[in-house]
Every structure is written in C-alpha cells, then in structure tokens.
Amino acid sequence: MNYSINEVAGKFGLSAHTLRFYDKEGLMPFIGRDKSGNRVFTDTDLNWVAMVCCLKDTGMKIKDIKQYADWCAEGLQTIEERKTMLADHRQQVVKQMEALKKNLALIDSKIAVYENPEQAEKKYGLLEKKNEQHY
C-alpha cells in the first residue's frame, strides 16, 4: 500500500514539513516519488519513519541519524557499525530513563504531600509554612 506525506505525517503525529525536512537531511534515503515528484511511502517506509522518530524522540542527533541511514543504505557490510551505534544509544536512553524515574519519584512525593497534607506534616514535617514561597 502507498501513503502520501500527509497520511504518514498523521500516522506519526508529525507535520508534512518535518517529514520533508527529514528527507532533505538524508534521513529517509529510501522514500520513492511519483510521476509528479511527490513523496510516496510504502509499508516498509513506515517502518523506517518509525525508526527515525524513535531515534529522534530518544535524543539522537540528526547528524547521527543521518550516519545510521547512510550505513543502512550501504548494506550488510555496515551491520557492526549500526549495532554499535544503537547499543551506545541504548545506554544513553537507559540513563535518561533512570533520571526520569528519580524525577518522577520526587514529583509523586510532592503530589502525595498535597493530597494528604496533615498526614505528611505529622510524618515528615513537610508542610510549607504560611507566607513562605515553595515550589
């Protein structure tokens, strides 16, 4: 099945402009064009767009995604480079997740204080004092 750029944009919550930008930056080297020059996406292309979005959403830089795309276009001889790049990126994502979990725990503890302030005051002495500004 074929998809227009607007259909793909809608599926991924992106703008058509963003997809065009990704294509111009070389992140989508496999995307075909119709007779009018419009981008035409296949089901396989949707998998590739999902990967580009995944890498971007997890903090990989555009230049590194471009390198990954270039290696994919080169074929099987670059599998080790791709595997290493993704393994390194995975480590960064795990670190981000650990930091987010710590931050979430702090946010949850503050919400708990606000949900039951009297009990929190008794247990932890955490109530903010009147006329003091706290976060």
Protein backbone atom coordinates (compact mmCIF):
# COMPACT_ATOMS: atom_id res chain seq x y z
CA MET A 1 0.00 0.00 0.00
CA ASN A 2 1.16 3.55 -0.72
CA TYR A 3 0.75 6.60 1.51
CA SER A 4 1.01 10.32 0.89
CA ILE A 5 3.21 12.54 3.02
CA ASN A 6 0.13 13.91 4.80
CA GLU A 7 -1.11 10.41 5.63
CA VAL A 8 2.28 9.47 7.05
CA ALA A 9 2.50 12.73 8.97
CA GLY A 10 -0.88 11.98 10.54
CA LYS A 11 0.12 8.42 11.47
CA PHE A 12 3.20 9.65 13.32
CA GLY A 13 1.93 12.92 14.76
CA LEU A 14 4.36 14.91 12.66
CA SER A 15 3.89 17.70 10.18
CA ALA A 16 4.49 17.17 6.48
CA HIS A 17 7.12 19.90 6.83
CA THR A 18 9.01 17.78 9.38
CA LEU A 19 8.97 14.75 7.08
CA ARG A 20 10.23 16.89 4.20
CA PHE A 21 13.00 18.21 6.45
CA TYR A 22 13.99 14.67 7.46
CA ASP A 23 14.07 13.67 3.80
CA LYS A 24 16.15 16.70 2.79
CA GLU A 25 18.60 15.94 5.63
CA GLY A 26 19.09 12.46 4.20
CA LEU A 27 17.30 10.59 6.98
CA MET A 28 14.93 8.84 4.58
CA PRO A 29 17.00 7.77 1.59
CA PHE A 30 14.59 5.03 0.53
CA ILE A 31 11.46 7.13 0.00
CA GLY A 32 10.18 6.98 -3.57
CA ARG A 33 8.48 9.62 -5.67
CA ASP A 34 5.52 9.52 -8.00
CA LYS A 35 5.39 10.95 -11.54
CA SER A 36 4.68 14.42 -10.14
CA GLY A 37 7.67 14.28 -7.80
CA ASN A 38 5.60 13.82 -4.64
CA ARG A 39 6.97 11.54 -1.95
CA VAL A 40 5.28 8.14 -1.86
CA PHE A 41 5.63 5.98 1.24
CA THR A 42 5.20 2.21 1.39
CA ASP A 43 4.54 0.00 4.41
CA THR A 44 8.28 -0.66 4.58
CA ASP A 45 8.90 3.09 4.56
CA LEU A 46 6.57 3.46 7.54
CA ASN A 47 8.85 1.12 9.49
CA TRP A 48 11.79 3.33 8.57
CA VAL A 49 9.92 6.51 9.59
CA ALA A 50 9.10 4.83 12.91
CA MET A 51 12.81 4.14 13.46
CA VAL A 52 13.80 7.72 12.60
CA CYS A 53 11.13 9.01 15.01
CA CYS A 54 12.30 6.61 17.70
CA LEU A 55 15.90 7.74 17.40
CA LYS A 56 14.92 11.41 17.32
CA ASP A 57 12.49 11.07 20.25
CA THR A 58 15.17 9.39 22.34
CA GLY A 59 17.65 12.19 21.79
CA MET A 60 19.80 11.07 18.89
CA LYS A 61 21.16 14.00 16.90
CA ILE A 62 20.11 14.47 13.28
CA LYS A 63 23.71 14.04 12.09
CA ASP A 64 23.91 10.68 13.87
CA ILE A 65 20.58 9.53 12.44
CA LYS A 66 21.95 10.53 9.03
CA GLN A 67 25.04 8.41 9.64
CA TYR A 68 22.80 5.48 10.61
CA ALA A 69 20.72 5.97 7.43
CA ASP A 70 23.89 6.12 5.34
CA TRP A 71 25.14 2.89 6.87
CA CYS A 72 21.79 1.22 6.20
CA ALA A 73 21.97 2.33 2.57
CA GLU A 74 25.47 0.83 2.26
CA GLY A 75 24.18 -2.63 3.07
CA LEU A 76 25.30 -5.58 5.11
CA GLN A 77 28.93 -4.54 5.41
CA THR A 78 27.95 -1.84 7.96
CA ILE A 79 25.97 -4.03 10.35
CA GLU A 80 28.63 -3.88 13.07
CA GLU A 81 28.76 -0.07 12.93
CA ARG A 82 24.97 0.12 13.15
CA LYS A 83 24.83 -2.36 16.00
CA THR A 84 27.49 -0.43 17.93
CA MET A 85 25.73 2.88 17.33
CA LEU A 86 22.39 1.52 18.53
CA ALA A 87 23.97 -0.18 21.57
CA ASP A 88 25.65 3.10 22.57
CA HIS A 89 22.41 4.98 22.04
CA ARG A 90 20.54 2.39 24.10
CA GLN A 91 22.89 3.07 27.02
CA GLN A 92 22.06 6.76 26.80
CA VAL A 93 18.33 6.01 26.73
CA VAL A 94 18.66 3.82 29.84
CA LYS A 95 20.45 6.68 31.64
CA GLN A 96 17.67 9.06 30.61
CA MET A 97 15.07 6.63 31.90
CA GLU A 98 16.84 6.30 35.25
CA ALA A 99 16.98 10.08 35.63
CA LEU A 100 13.31 10.38 34.69
CA LYS A 101 12.35 7.73 37.28
CA LYS A 102 14.14 9.69 40.01
CA ASN A 103 12.44 12.90 38.96
CA LEU A 104 9.07 11.15 38.79
CA ALA A 105 9.53 9.82 42.32
CA LEU A 106 10.16 13.35 43.59
CA ILE A 107 7.10 14.67 41.77
CA ASP A 108 4.98 11.81 43.16
CA SER A 109 6.18 12.52 46.69
CA LYS A 110 5.21 16.18 46.34
CA ILE A 111 1.77 15.23 44.99
CA ALA A 112 1.34 12.90 47.98
CA VAL A 113 2.05 15.81 50.31
CA TYR A 114 -0.61 17.90 48.59
CA GLU A 115 -3.15 15.06 48.61
CA ASN A 116 -2.86 14.49 52.36
CA PRO A 117 -1.06 17.47 53.89
CA GLU A 118 -1.97 16.77 57.51
CA GLN A 119 -0.56 13.25 57.44
CA ALA A 120 2.56 14.42 55.60
CA GLU A 121 3.12 17.10 58.24
CA LYS A 122 2.84 14.55 61.03
CA LYS A 123 5.10 12.02 59.29
CA TYR A 124 7.70 14.25 57.66
CA GLY A 125 7.16 17.82 58.80
CA LEU A 126 6.81 18.75 55.12
CA LEU A 127 4.04 21.33 55.05
CA GLU A 128 5.11 24.65 53.72
CA LYS A 129 4.78 27.44 56.20
CA LYS A 130 2.39 30.27 55.54
CA ASN A 131 3.93 33.28 53.87
CA GLU A 132 6.84 31.23 52.56
CA GLN A 133 7.14 30.52 48.88
CA HIS A 134 7.96 26.98 47.86
CA TYR A 135 7.95 25.12 44.60
